[in-house]
PDB file of all heavy atoms in Angstrom:
ATOM      1  N   LEU A   1      14.448 179.045  69.472  1.00  0.00           N
ATOM      2  CA  LEU A   1      15.747 179.289  68.858  1.00  0.00           C
ATOM      3  C   LEU A   1      16.754 179.834  69.861  1.00  0.00           C
ATOM      4  O   LEU A   1      17.966 179.699  69.687  1.00  0.00           O
ATOM      5  CB  LEU A   1      15.605 180.265  67.685  1.00  0.00           C
ATOM      6  CG  LEU A   1      14.720 179.778  66.534  1.00  0.00           C
ATOM      7  CD1 LEU A   1      14.640 180.852  65.463  1.00  0.00           C
ATOM      8  CD2 LEU A   1      15.259 178.480  65.949  1.00  0.00           C
ATOM      9  N   ASN A   2      16.254 180.494  70.903  1.00  0.00           N
ATOM     10  CA  ASN A   2      17.120 181.053  71.930  1.00  0.00           C
ATOM     11  C   ASN A   2      16.376 181.032  73.252  1.00  0.00           C
ATOM     12  O   ASN A   2      15.522 181.876  73.488  1.00  0.00           O
ATOM     13  CB  ASN A   2      17.527 182.481  71.565  1.00  0.00           C
ATOM     14  CG  ASN A   2      18.592 183.012  72.523  1.00  0.00           C
ATOM     15  OD1 ASN A   2      18.823 182.438  73.584  1.00  0.00           O
ATOM     16  ND2 ASN A   2      19.247 184.105  72.137  1.00  0.00           N
ATOM     17  N   PRO A   3      16.674 180.089  74.137  1.00  0.00           N
ATOM     18  CA  PRO A   3      15.945 179.963  75.406  1.00  0.00           C
ATOM     19  C   PRO A   3      16.018 181.203  76.279  1.00  0.00           C
ATOM     20  O   PRO A   3      15.218 181.366  77.183  1.00  0.00           O
ATOM     21  CB  PRO A   3      16.625 178.766  76.087  1.00  0.00           C
ATOM     22  CG  PRO A   3      17.301 178.018  74.992  1.00  0.00           C
ATOM     23  CD  PRO A   3      17.690 179.051  73.979  1.00  0.00           C
ATOM     24  N   LEU A   4      17.009 182.074  76.051  1.00  0.00           N
ATOM     25  CA  LEU A   4      17.113 183.276  76.860  1.00  0.00           C
ATOM     26  C   LEU A   4      16.105 184.324  76.441  1.00  0.00           C
ATOM     27  O   LEU A   4      15.886 185.302  77.157  1.00  0.00           O
ATOM     28  CB  LEU A   4      18.530 183.855  76.747  1.00  0.00           C
ATOM     29  CG  LEU A   4      19.662 182.956  77.290  1.00  0.00           C
ATOM     30  CD1 LEU A   4      21.002 183.639  77.064  1.00  0.00           C
ATOM     31  CD2 LEU A   4      19.447 182.657  78.756  1.00  0.00           C
ATOM     32  N   LEU A   5      15.494 184.159  75.260  1.00  0.00           N
ATOM     33  CA  LEU A   5      14.508 185.103  74.783  1.00  0.00           C
ATOM     34  C   LEU A   5      13.120 184.496  74.851  1.00  0.00           C
ATOM     35  O   LEU A   5      12.951 183.285  74.786  1.00  0.00           O
ATOM     36  CB  LEU A   5      14.811 185.514  73.322  1.00  0.00           C
ATOM     37  CG  LEU A   5      16.162 186.216  73.075  1.00  0.00           C
ATOM     38  CD1 LEU A   5      16.330 186.499  71.590  1.00  0.00           C
ATOM     39  CD2 LEU A   5      16.232 187.512  73.862  1.00  0.00           C
ATOM     40  N   THR A   6      12.131 185.316  74.970  1.00  0.00           N
ATOM     41  CA  THR A   6      10.746 184.853  74.948  1.00  0.00           C
ATOM     42  C   THR A   6      10.069 185.445  73.734  1.00  0.00           C
ATOM     43  O   THR A   6      10.617 186.280  73.015  1.00  0.00           O
ATOM     44  CB  THR A   6      10.000 185.296  76.219  1.00  0.00           C
ATOM     45  OG1 THR A   6       9.751 186.693  76.120  1.00  0.00           O
ATOM     46  CG2 THR A   6      10.809 185.007  77.467  1.00  0.00           C
ATOM     47  N   ASN A   7       8.851 184.994  73.485  1.00  0.00           N
ATOM     48  CA  ASN A   7       8.068 185.548  72.393  1.00  0.00           C
ATOM     49  C   ASN A   7       7.284 186.776  72.827  1.00  0.00           C
ATOM     50  O   ASN A   7       6.527 187.339  72.042  1.00  0.00           O
ATOM     51  CB  ASN A   7       7.101 184.478  71.854  1.00  0.00           C
ATOM     52  CG  ASN A   7       7.860 183.354  71.157  1.00  0.00           C
ATOM     53  OD1 ASN A   7       8.830 183.614  70.459  1.00  0.00           O
ATOM     54  ND2 ASN A   7       7.437 182.111  71.369  1.00  0.00           N
ATOM     55  N   ASP A   8       7.473 187.173  74.072  1.00  0.00           N
ATOM     56  CA  ASP A   8       6.807 188.351  74.602  1.00  0.00           C
ATOM     57  C   ASP A   8       7.691 189.569  74.335  1.00  0.00           C
ATOM     58  O   ASP A   8       8.747 189.732  74.918  1.00  0.00           O
ATOM     59  CB  ASP A   8       6.576 188.174  76.125  1.00  0.00           C
ATOM     60  CG  ASP A   8       5.687 189.276  76.679  1.00  0.00           C
ATOM     61  OD1 ASP A   8       5.781 190.402  76.181  1.00  0.00           O
ATOM     62  OD2 ASP A   8       4.930 188.981  77.618  1.00  0.00           O
ATOM     63  N   LYS A   9       7.280 190.455  73.426  1.00  0.00           N
ATOM     64  CA  LYS A   9       8.103 191.606  73.036  1.00  0.00           C
ATOM     65  C   LYS A   9       8.356 192.540  74.203  1.00  0.00           C
ATOM     66  O   LYS A   9       9.438 193.119  74.327  1.00  0.00           O
ATOM     67  CB  LYS A   9       7.410 192.360  71.898  1.00  0.00           C
ATOM     68  CG  LYS A   9       7.363 191.567  70.589  1.00  0.00           C
ATOM     69  CD  LYS A   9       6.737 192.416  69.489  1.00  0.00           C
ATOM     70  CE  LYS A   9       6.721 191.651  68.168  1.00  0.00           C
ATOM     71  NZ  LYS A   9       6.124 192.458  67.082  1.00  0.00           N
ATOM     72  N   ALA A  10       7.376 192.699  75.064  1.00  0.00           N
ATOM     73  CA  ALA A  10       7.538 193.600  76.206  1.00  0.00           C
ATOM     74  C   ALA A  10       8.614 193.088  77.151  1.00  0.00           C
ATOM     75  O   ALA A  10       9.461 193.853  77.631  1.00  0.00           O
ATOM     76  CB  ALA A  10       6.219 193.761  76.948  1.00  0.00           C
ATOM     77  N   VAL A  11       8.598 191.749  77.402  1.00  0.00           N
ATOM     78  CA  VAL A  11       9.605 191.166  78.288  1.00  0.00           C
ATOM     79  C   VAL A  11      10.998 191.279  77.670  1.00  0.00           C
ATOM     80  O   VAL A  11      11.981 191.639  78.326  1.00  0.00           O
ATOM     81  CB  VAL A  11       9.252 189.694  78.588  1.00  0.00           C
ATOM     82  CG1 VAL A  11      10.384 189.036  79.400  1.00  0.00           C
ATOM     83  CG2 VAL A  11       7.945 189.609  79.342  1.00  0.00           C
ATOM     84  N   ASN A  12      11.107 190.973  76.368  1.00  0.00           N
ATOM     85  CA  ASN A  12      12.400 191.071  75.695  1.00  0.00           C
ATOM     86  C   ASN A  12      12.930 192.497  75.694  1.00  0.00           C
ATOM     87  O   ASN A  12      14.117 192.746  75.903  1.00  0.00           O
ATOM     88  CB  ASN A  12      12.285 190.578  74.248  1.00  0.00           C
ATOM     89  CG  ASN A  12      12.194 189.061  74.182  1.00  0.00           C
ATOM     90  OD1 ASN A  12      12.668 188.376  75.073  1.00  0.00           O
ATOM     91  ND2 ASN A  12      11.569 188.546  73.136  1.00  0.00           N
ATOM     92  N   SER A  13      12.043 193.463  75.456  1.00  0.00           N
ATOM     93  CA  SER A  13      12.455 194.864  75.436  1.00  0.00           C
ATOM     94  C   SER A  13      12.980 195.292  76.796  1.00  0.00           C
ATOM     95  O   SER A  13      13.994 195.982  76.899  1.00  0.00           O
ATOM     96  CB  SER A  13      11.280 195.749  75.016  1.00  0.00           C
ATOM     97  OG  SER A  13      11.645 197.098  75.037  1.00  0.00           O
ATOM     98  N   MET A  14      12.289 194.870  77.860  1.00  0.00           N
ATOM     99  CA  MET A  14      12.733 195.214  79.208  1.00  0.00           C
ATOM    100  C   MET A  14      14.086 194.575  79.507  1.00  0.00           C
ATOM    101  O   MET A  14      14.980 195.204  80.073  1.00  0.00           O
ATOM    102  CB  MET A  14      11.692 194.739  80.232  1.00  0.00           C
ATOM    103  CG  MET A  14      12.048 195.121  81.671  1.00  0.00           C
ATOM    104  SD  MET A  14      10.768 194.590  82.822  1.00  0.00           S
ATOM    105  CE  MET A  14       9.377 195.594  82.270  1.00  0.00           C
ATOM    106  N   ARG A  15      14.270 193.304  79.087  1.00  0.00           N
ATOM    107  CA  ARG A  15      15.535 192.621  79.337  1.00  0.00           C
ATOM    108  C   ARG A  15      16.686 193.331  78.621  1.00  0.00           C
ATOM    109  O   ARG A  15      17.771 193.507  79.161  1.00  0.00           O
ATOM    110  CB  ARG A  15      15.446 191.165  78.881  1.00  0.00           C
ATOM    111  CG  ARG A  15      16.739 190.387  79.116  1.00  0.00           C
ATOM    112  CD  ARG A  15      16.629 188.946  78.677  1.00  0.00           C
ATOM    113  NE  ARG A  15      15.794 188.195  79.600  1.00  0.00           N
ATOM    114  CZ  ARG A  15      14.634 187.601  79.270  1.00  0.00           C
ATOM    115  NH1 ARG A  15      14.171 187.714  78.049  1.00  0.00           N
ATOM    116  NH2 ARG A  15      13.951 186.937  80.163  1.00  0.00           N
ATOM    117  N   HIS A  16      16.433 193.764  77.369  1.00  0.00           N
ATOM    118  CA  HIS A  16      17.478 194.460  76.628  1.00  0.00           C
ATOM    119  C   HIS A  16      17.852 195.770  77.292  1.00  0.00           C
ATOM    120  O   HIS A  16      19.027 196.140  77.333  1.00  0.00           O
ATOM    121  CB  HIS A  16      17.006 194.720  75.193  1.00  0.00           C
ATOM    122  CG  HIS A  16      16.957 193.472  74.358  1.00  0.00           C
ATOM    123  ND1 HIS A  16      16.177 193.359  73.234  1.00  0.00           N
ATOM    124  CD2 HIS A  16      17.588 192.284  74.491  1.00  0.00           C
ATOM    125  CE1 HIS A  16      16.334 192.160  72.708  1.00  0.00           C
ATOM    126  NE2 HIS A  16      17.184 191.491  73.459  1.00  0.00           N
ATOM    127  N   ARG A  17      16.863 196.483  77.822  1.00  0.00           N
ATOM    128  CA  ARG A  17      17.155 197.747  78.481  1.00  0.00           C
ATOM    129  C   ARG A  17      17.975 197.530  79.746  1.00  0.00           C
ATOM    130  O   ARG A  17      18.892 198.297  80.058  1.00  0.00           O
ATOM    131  CB  ARG A  17      15.851 198.491  78.817  1.00  0.00           C
ATOM    132  CG  ARG A  17      15.173 199.108  77.610  1.00  0.00           C
ATOM    133  CD  ARG A  17      14.181 200.168  78.056  1.00  0.00           C
ATOM    134  NE  ARG A  17      13.125 199.618  78.885  1.00  0.00           N
ATOM    135  CZ  ARG A  17      11.976 199.128  78.419  1.00  0.00           C
ATOM    136  NH1 ARG A  17      11.754 199.122  77.113  1.00  0.00           N
ATOM    137  NH2 ARG A  17      11.070 198.661  79.236  1.00  0.00           N
ATOM    138  N   VAL A  18      17.667 196.461  80.473  1.00  0.00           N
ATOM    139  CA  VAL A  18      18.400 196.152  81.699  1.00  0.00           C
ATOM    140  C   VAL A  18      19.852 195.817  81.373  1.00  0.00           C
ATOM    141  O   VAL A  18      20.799 196.307  82.004  1.00  0.00           O
ATOM    142  CB  VAL A  18      17.736 194.996  82.467  1.00  0.00           C
ATOM    143  CG1 VAL A  18      18.643 194.530  83.603  1.00  0.00           C
ATOM    144  CG2 VAL A  18      16.382 195.434  83.012  1.00  0.00           C
ATOM    145  N   ILE A  19      20.050 194.973  80.309  1.00  0.00           N
ATOM    146  CA  ILE A  19      21.402 194.584  79.920  1.00  0.00           C
ATOM    147  C   ILE A  19      22.179 195.799  79.435  1.00  0.00           C
ATOM    148  O   ILE A  19      23.348 196.001  79.751  1.00  0.00           O
ATOM    149  CB  ILE A  19      21.351 193.489  78.832  1.00  0.00           C
ATOM    150  CG1 ILE A  19      20.769 192.195  79.422  1.00  0.00           C
ATOM    151  CG2 ILE A  19      22.747 193.227  78.257  1.00  0.00           C
ATOM    152  CD1 ILE A  19      20.551 191.105  78.400  1.00  0.00           C
ATOM    153  N   TRP A  20      21.529 196.667  78.644  1.00  0.00           N
ATOM    154  CA  TRP A  20      22.187 197.848  78.085  1.00  0.00           C
ATOM    155  C   TRP A  20      22.645 198.808  79.172  1.00  0.00           C
ATOM    156  O   TRP A  20      23.678 199.444  79.056  1.00  0.00           O
ATOM    157  CB  TRP A  20      21.214 198.533  77.126  1.00  0.00           C
ATOM    158  CG  TRP A  20      21.791 199.763  76.487  1.00  0.00           C
ATOM    159  CD1 TRP A  20      21.549 201.059  76.810  1.00  0.00           C
ATOM    160  CD2 TRP A  20      22.715 199.804  75.395  1.00  0.00           C
ATOM    161  NE1 TRP A  20      22.251 201.908  76.000  1.00  0.00           N
ATOM    162  CE2 TRP A  20      22.984 201.169  75.126  1.00  0.00           C
ATOM    163  CE3 TRP A  20      23.351 198.836  74.627  1.00  0.00           C
ATOM    164  CZ2 TRP A  20      23.840 201.566  74.110  1.00  0.00           C
ATOM    165  CZ3 TRP A  20      24.210 199.236  73.619  1.00  0.00           C
ATOM    166  CH2 TRP A  20      24.449 200.586  73.371  1.00  0.00           C
ATOM    167  N   ARG A  21      21.825 198.879  80.243  1.00  0.00           N
ATOM    168  CA  ARG A  21      22.133 199.835  81.301  1.00  0.00           C
ATOM    169  C   ARG A  21      23.004 199.267  82.409  1.00  0.00           C
ATOM    170  O   ARG A  21      23.289 199.949  83.390  1.00  0.00           O
ATOM    171  CB  ARG A  21      20.829 200.356  81.914  1.00  0.00           C
ATOM    172  CG  ARG A  21      20.007 201.197  80.939  1.00  0.00           C
ATOM    173  CD  ARG A  21      18.695 201.615  81.553  1.00  0.00           C
ATOM    174  NE  ARG A  21      17.896 202.403  80.627  1.00  0.00           N
ATOM    175  CZ  ARG A  21      16.655 202.836  80.875  1.00  0.00           C
ATOM    176  NH1 ARG A  21      16.092 202.562  82.046  1.00  0.00           N
ATOM    177  NH2 ARG A  21      16.004 203.529  79.969  1.00  0.00           N
ATOM    178  N   MET A  22      23.422 198.007  82.250  1.00  0.00           N
ATOM    179  CA  MET A  22      24.296 197.425  83.267  1.00  0.00           C
ATOM    180  C   MET A  22      25.604 198.218  83.319  1.00  0.00           C
ATOM    181  O   MET A  22      26.192 198.535  82.291  1.00  0.00           O
ATOM    182  CB  MET A  22      24.603 195.956  82.949  1.00  0.00           C
ATOM    183  CG  MET A  22      23.437 195.018  83.185  1.00  0.00           C
ATOM    184  SD  MET A  22      23.845 193.317  82.751  1.00  0.00           S
ATOM    185  CE  MET A  22      25.129 192.967  83.944  1.00  0.00           C
ATOM    186  N   PRO A  23      26.056 198.587  84.503  1.00  0.00           N
ATOM    187  CA  PRO A  23      27.275 199.401  84.600  1.00  0.00           C
ATOM    188  C   PRO A  23      28.499 198.640  84.098  1.00  0.00           C
ATOM    189  O   PRO A  23      28.626 197.434  84.302  1.00  0.00           O
ATOM    190  CB  PRO A  23      27.387 199.686  86.105  1.00  0.00           C
ATOM    191  CG  PRO A  23      26.631 198.579  86.762  1.00  0.00           C
ATOM    192  CD  PRO A  23      25.504 198.234  85.819  1.00  0.00           C
ATOM    193  N   LYS A  24      29.395 199.369  83.405  1.00  0.00           N
ATOM    194  CA  LYS A  24      30.626 198.767  82.931  1.00  0.00           C
ATOM    195  C   LYS A  24      31.574 198.540  84.103  1.00  0.00           C
ATOM    196  O   LYS A  24      31.489 199.205  85.122  1.00  0.00           O
ATOM    197  CB  LYS A  24      31.296 199.683  81.908  1.00  0.00           C
ATOM    198  CG  LYS A  24      30.504 199.864  80.623  1.00  0.00           C
ATOM    199  CD  LYS A  24      31.258 200.765  79.658  1.00  0.00           C
ATOM    200  CE  LYS A  24      30.477 200.956  78.375  1.00  0.00           C
ATOM    201  NZ  LYS A  24      31.182 201.845  77.425  1.00  0.00           N
ATOM    202  N   LYS A  25      32.480 197.574  83.903  1.00  0.00           N
ATOM    203  CA  LYS A  25      33.475 197.303  84.926  1.00  0.00           C
ATOM    204  C   LYS A  25      34.356 198.533  85.093  1.00  0.00           C
ATOM    205  O   LYS A  25      34.880 199.058  84.112  1.00  0.00           O
ATOM    206  CB  LYS A  25      34.326 196.102  84.517  1.00  0.00           C
ATOM    207  CG  LYS A  25      35.322 195.657  85.569  1.00  0.00           C
ATOM    208  CD  LYS A  25      36.075 194.432  85.090  1.00  0.00           C
ATOM    209  CE  LYS A  25      37.105 194.002  86.134  1.00  0.00           C
ATOM    210  NZ  LYS A  25      37.861 192.801  85.678  1.00  0.00           N
ATOM    211  N   PRO A  26      34.522 199.025  86.297  1.00  0.00           N
ATOM    212  CA  PRO A  26      35.296 200.268  86.483  1.00  0.00           C
ATOM    213  C   PRO A  26      36.786 200.043  86.248  1.00  0.00           C
ATOM    214  O   PRO A  26      37.320 198.962  86.522  1.00  0.00           O
ATOM    215  CB  PRO A  26      35.009 200.638  87.942  1.00  0.00           C
ATOM    216  CG  PRO A  26      34.686 199.331  88.601  1.00  0.00           C
ATOM    217  CD  PRO A  26      33.979 198.509  87.563  1.00  0.00           C
ATOM    218  N   TYR A  27      37.439 201.080  85.742  1.00  0.00           N
ATOM    219  CA  TYR A  27      38.891 201.052  85.575  1.00  0.00           C
ATOM    220  C   TYR A  27      39.567 201.315  86.920  1.00  0.00           C
ATOM    221  O   TYR A  27      39.009 201.974  87.793  1.00  0.00           O
ATOM    222  CB  TYR A  27      39.336 202.123  84.585  1.00  0.00           C
ATOM    223  CG  TYR A  27      38.910 201.871  83.157  1.00  0.00           C
ATOM    224  CD1 TYR A  27      38.543 202.930  82.326  1.00  0.00           C
ATOM    225  CD2 TYR A  27      38.902 200.585  82.622  1.00  0.00           C
ATOM    226  CE1 TYR A  27      38.176 202.711  81.002  1.00  0.00           C
ATOM    227  CE2 TYR A  27      38.527 200.359  81.319  1.00  0.00           C
ATOM    228  CZ  TYR A  27      38.162 201.425  80.509  1.00  0.00           C
ATOM    229  OH  TYR A  27      37.799 201.199  79.209  1.00  0.00           O
ATOM    230  N   LEU A  28      40.770 200.786  87.069  1.00  0.00           N
ATOM    231  CA  LEU A  28      41.560 201.065  88.262  1.00  0.00           C
ATOM    232  C   LEU A  28      42.054 202.508  88.199  1.00  0.00           C
ATOM    233  O   LEU A  28      42.525 202.967  87.163  1.00  0.00           O
ATOM    234  CB  LEU A  28      42.749 200.113  88.343  1.00  0.00           C
ATOM    235  CG  LEU A  28      42.429 198.616  88.476  1.00  0.00           C
ATOM    236  CD1 LEU A  28      43.701 197.778  88.373  1.00  0.00           C
ATOM    237  CD2 LEU A  28      41.729 198.343  89.799  1.00  0.00           C
ATOM    238  N   SER A  29      41.956 203.220  89.299  1.00  0.00           N
ATOM    239  CA  SER A  29      42.358 204.628  89.329  1.00  0.00           C
ATOM    240  C   SER A  29      43.544 204.888  90.251  1.00  0.00           C
ATOM    241  O   SER A  29      44.022 206.021  90.341  1.00  0.00           O
ATOM    242  CB  SER A  29      41.177 205.504  89.772  1.00  0.00           C
ATOM    243  OG  SER A  29      40.718 205.113  91.059  1.00  0.00           O
ATOM    244  N   ALA A  30      44.026 203.843  90.936  1.00  0.00           N
ATOM    245  CA  ALA A  30      45.180 203.998  91.830  1.00  0.00           C
ATOM    246  C   ALA A  30      45.973 202.695  91.829  1.00  0.00           C
ATOM    247  O   ALA A  30      45.393 201.612  91.651  1.00  0.00           O
ATOM    248  CB  ALA A  30      44.724 204.343  93.251  1.00  0.00           C
ATOM    249  N   PRO A  31      47.292 202.756  91.998  1.00  0.00           N
ATOM    250  CA  PRO A  31      48.106 201.537  92.001  1.00  0.00           C
ATOM    251  C   PRO A  31      47.664 200.572  93.102  1.00  0.00           C
ATOM    252  O   PRO A  31      47.300 200.993  94.201  1.00  0.00           O
ATOM    253  CB  PRO A  31      49.522 202.055  92.264  1.00  0.00           C
ATOM    254  CG  PRO A  31      49.497 203.474  91.810  1.00  0.00           C
ATOM    255  CD  PRO A  31      48.115 203.976  92.116  1.00  0.00           C
ATOM    256  N   ILE A  32      47.679 199.279  92.772  1.00  0.00           N
ATOM    257  CA  ILE A  32      47.322 198.268  93.762  1.00  0.00           C
ATOM    258  C   ILE A  32      48.513 198.052  94.702  1.00  0.00           C
ATOM    259  O   ILE A  32      49.667 198.269  94.332  1.00  0.00           O
ATOM    260  CB  ILE A  32      46.917 196.942  93.093  1.00  0.00           C
ATOM    261  CG1 ILE A  32      48.078 196.386  92.246  1.00  0.00           C
ATOM    262  CG2 ILE A  32      45.689 197.137  92.230  1.00  0.00           C
ATOM    263  CD1 ILE A  32      47.785 195.029  91.628  1.00  0.00           C
ATOM    264  N   LYS A  33      48.218 197.621  95.928  1.00  0.00           N
ATOM    265  CA  LYS A  33      49.281 197.409  96.915  1.00  0.00           C
ATOM    266  C   LYS A  33      49.894 196.031  96.697  1.00  0.00           C
ATOM    267  O   LYS A  33      49.301 195.006  97.021  1.00  0.00           O
ATOM    268  CB  LYS A  33      48.708 197.530  98.325  1.00  0.00           C
ATOM    269  CG  LYS A  33      48.266 198.944  98.681  1.00  0.00           C
ATOM    270  CD  LYS A  33      47.773 199.029 100.118  1.00  0.00           C
ATOM    271  CE  LYS A  33      47.371 200.460 100.469  1.00  0.00           C
ATOM    272  NZ  LYS A  33      46.892 200.575 101.859  1.00  0.00           N
ATOM    273  N   THR A  34      51.074 196.017  96.141  1.00  0.00           N
ATOM    274  CA  THR A  34      51.797 194.779  95.891  1.00  0.00           C
ATOM    275  C   THR A  34      53.282 195.088  95.814  1.00  0.00           C
ATOM    276  O   THR A  34      53.675 196.217  95.491  1.00  0.00           O
ATOM    277  CB  THR A  34      51.337 194.117  94.576  1.00  0.00           C
ATOM    278  OG1 THR A  34      52.107 192.923  94.338  1.00  0.00           O
ATOM    279  CG2 THR A  34      51.510 195.062  93.403  1.00  0.00           C
ATOM    280  N   ASP A  35      54.098 194.099  96.142  1.00  0.00           N
ATOM    281  CA  ASP A  35      55.537 194.271  96.004  1.00  0.00           C
ATOM    282  C   ASP A  35      56.044 193.607  94.730  1.00  0.00           C
ATOM    283  O   ASP A  35      57.239 193.466  94.524  1.00  0.00           O
ATOM    284  CB  ASP A  35      56.269 193.707  97.223  1.00  0.00           C
ATOM    285  CG  ASP A  35      55.978 192.228  97.438  1.00  0.00           C
ATOM    286  OD1 ASP A  35      55.101 191.671  96.717  1.00  0.00           O
ATOM    287  OD2 ASP A  35      56.614 191.621  98.323  1.00  0.00           O
ATOM    288  N   LYS A  36      55.105 193.188  93.858  1.00  0.00           N
ATOM    289  CA  LYS A  36      55.447 192.554  92.586  1.00  0.00           C
ATOM    290  C   LYS A  36      55.186 193.525  91.438  1.00  0.00           C
ATOM    291  O   LYS A  36      54.688 194.637  91.646  1.00  0.00           O
ATOM    292  CB  LYS A  36      54.628 191.273  92.398  1.00  0.00           C
ATOM    293  CG  LYS A  36      54.903 190.202  93.434  1.00  0.00           C
ATOM    294  CD  LYS A  36      54.073 188.970  93.153  1.00  0.00           C
ATOM    295  CE  LYS A  36      54.457 187.811  94.078  1.00  0.00           C
ATOM    296  NZ  LYS A  36      54.246 188.131  95.487  1.00  0.00           N
ATOM    297  N   MET A  37      55.495 193.079  90.241  1.00  0.00           N
ATOM    298  CA  MET A  37      55.238 193.896  89.049  1.00  0.00           C
ATOM    299  C   MET A  37      53.744 194.147  88.896  1.00  0.00           C
ATOM    300  O   MET A  37      52.937 193.233  89.106  1.00  0.00           O
ATOM    301  CB  MET A  37      55.759 193.191  87.794  1.00  0.00           C
ATOM    302  CG  MET A  37      57.237 193.367  87.549  1.00  0.00           C
ATOM    303  SD  MET A  37      57.653 195.035  86.985  1.00  0.00           S
ATOM    304  CE  MET A  37      59.437 194.885  86.898  1.00  0.00           C
ATOM    305  N   PRO A  38      53.337 195.359  88.534  1.00  0.00           N
ATOM    306  CA  PRO A  38      51.916 195.630  88.297  1.00  0.00           C
ATOM    307  C   PRO A  38      51.380 194.754  87.168  1.00  0.00           C
ATOM    308  O   PRO A  38      52.100 194.467  86.202  1.00  0.00           O
ATOM    309  CB  PRO A  38      51.908 197.113  87.892  1.00  0.00           C
ATOM    310  CG  PRO A  38      53.171 197.672  88.458  1.00  0.00           C
ATOM    311  CD  PRO A  38      54.170 196.566  88.403  1.00  0.00           C
ATOM    312  N   PRO A  39      50.124 194.318  87.252  1.00  0.00           N
ATOM    313  CA  PRO A  39      49.584 193.394  86.238  1.00  0.00           C
ATOM    314  C   PRO A  39      49.459 194.000  84.853  1.00  0.00           C
ATOM    315  O   PRO A  39      49.351 193.263  83.867  1.00  0.00           O
ATOM    316  CB  PRO A  39      48.199 193.049  86.808  1.00  0.00           C
ATOM    317  CG  PRO A  39      47.861 194.170  87.732  1.00  0.00           C
ATOM    318  CD  PRO A  39      49.161 194.623  88.316  1.00  0.00           C
ATOM    319  N   GLY A  40      49.480 195.329  84.737  1.00  0.00           N
ATOM    320  CA  GLY A  40      49.345 195.939  83.422  1.00  0.00           C
ATOM    321  C   GLY A  40      50.631 196.005  82.630  1.00  0.00           C
ATOM    322  O   GLY A  40      50.606 196.227  81.409  1.00  0.00           O
ATOM    323  N   ILE A  41      51.781 195.811  83.278  1.00  0.00           N
ATOM    324  CA  ILE A  41      53.076 195.966  82.608  1.00  0.00           C
ATOM    325  C   ILE A  41      53.247 195.009  81.418  1.00  0.00           C
ATOM    326  O   ILE A  41      53.709 195.433  80.354  1.00  0.00           O
ATOM    327  CB  ILE A  41      54.231 195.794  83.611  1.00  0.00           C
ATOM    328  CG1 ILE A  41      54.215 196.935  84.641  1.00  0.00           C
ATOM    329  CG2 ILE A  41      55.573 195.740  82.890  1.00  0.00           C
ATOM    330  CD1 ILE A  41      54.423 198.309  84.044  1.00  0.00           C
ATOM    331  N   PRO A  42      52.898 193.707  81.527  1.00  0.00           N
ATOM    332  CA  PRO A  42      53.081 192.826  80.360  1.00  0.00           C
ATOM    333  C   PRO A  42      52.313 193.299  79.123  1.00  0.00           C
ATOM    334  O   PRO A  42      52.796 193.124  77.993  1.00  0.00           O
ATOM    335  CB  PRO A  42      52.539 191.474  80.860  1.00  0.00           C
ATOM    336  CG  PRO A  42      52.704 191.521  82.332  1.00  0.00           C
ATOM    337  CD  PRO A  42      52.451 192.948  82.710  1.00  0.00           C
ATOM    338  N   PHE A  43      51.153 193.917  79.304  1.00  0.00           N
ATOM    339  CA  PHE A  43      50.379 194.400  78.161  1.00  0.00           C
ATOM    340  C   PHE A  43      51.069 195.601  77.509  1.00  0.00           C
ATOM    341  O   PHE A  43      51.055 195.743  76.285  1.00  0.00           O
ATOM    342  CB  PHE A  43      48.965 194.774  78.605  1.00  0.00           C
ATOM    343  CG  PHE A  43      48.149 193.616  79.056  1.00  0.00           C
ATOM    344  CD1 PHE A  43      48.135 193.229  80.396  1.00  0.00           C
ATOM    345  CD2 PHE A  43      47.390 192.881  78.161  1.00  0.00           C
ATOM    346  CE1 PHE A  43      47.389 192.151  80.821  1.00  0.00           C
ATOM    347  CE2 PHE A  43      46.633 191.796  78.579  1.00  0.00           C
ATOM    348  CZ  PHE A  43      46.634 191.428  79.909  1.00  0.00           C
ATOM    349  N   ILE A  44      51.675 196.455  78.325  1.00  0.00           N
ATOM    350  CA  ILE A  44      52.394 197.604  77.774  1.00  0.00           C
ATOM    351  C   ILE A  44      53.647 197.138  77.052  1.00  0.00           C
ATOM    352  O   ILE A  44      53.964 197.615  75.952  1.00  0.00           O
ATOM    353  CB  ILE A  44      52.756 198.603  78.888  1.00  0.00           C
ATOM    354  CG1 ILE A  44      51.505 199.086  79.624  1.00  0.00           C
ATOM    355  CG2 ILE A  44      53.513 199.795  78.315  1.00  0.00           C
ATOM    356  CD1 ILE A  44      51.774 199.999  80.800  1.00  0.00           C
ATOM    357  N   VAL A  45      54.372 196.199  77.632  1.00  0.00           N
ATOM    358  CA  VAL A  45      55.590 195.686  77.016  1.00  0.00           C
ATOM    359  C   VAL A  45      55.261 194.973  75.707  1.00  0.00           C
ATOM    360  O   VAL A  45      55.944 195.162  74.688  1.00  0.00           O
ATOM    361  CB  VAL A  45      56.330 194.740  77.990  1.00  0.00           C
ATOM    362  CG1 VAL A  45      57.468 194.017  77.278  1.00  0.00           C
ATOM    363  CG2 VAL A  45      56.871 195.528  79.182  1.00  0.00           C
TER     364      VAL A  45
END
């Protein structure tokens, strides 16, 4: 039903833990160096 999963519960459990613990994409903490409008401005507007 789902080729990404196996019938082995131990393997599936380990895969879920790995996916759950994958680090989130970090937020930008400083302005990027550009002479154009910052990419976040259209979302704020």
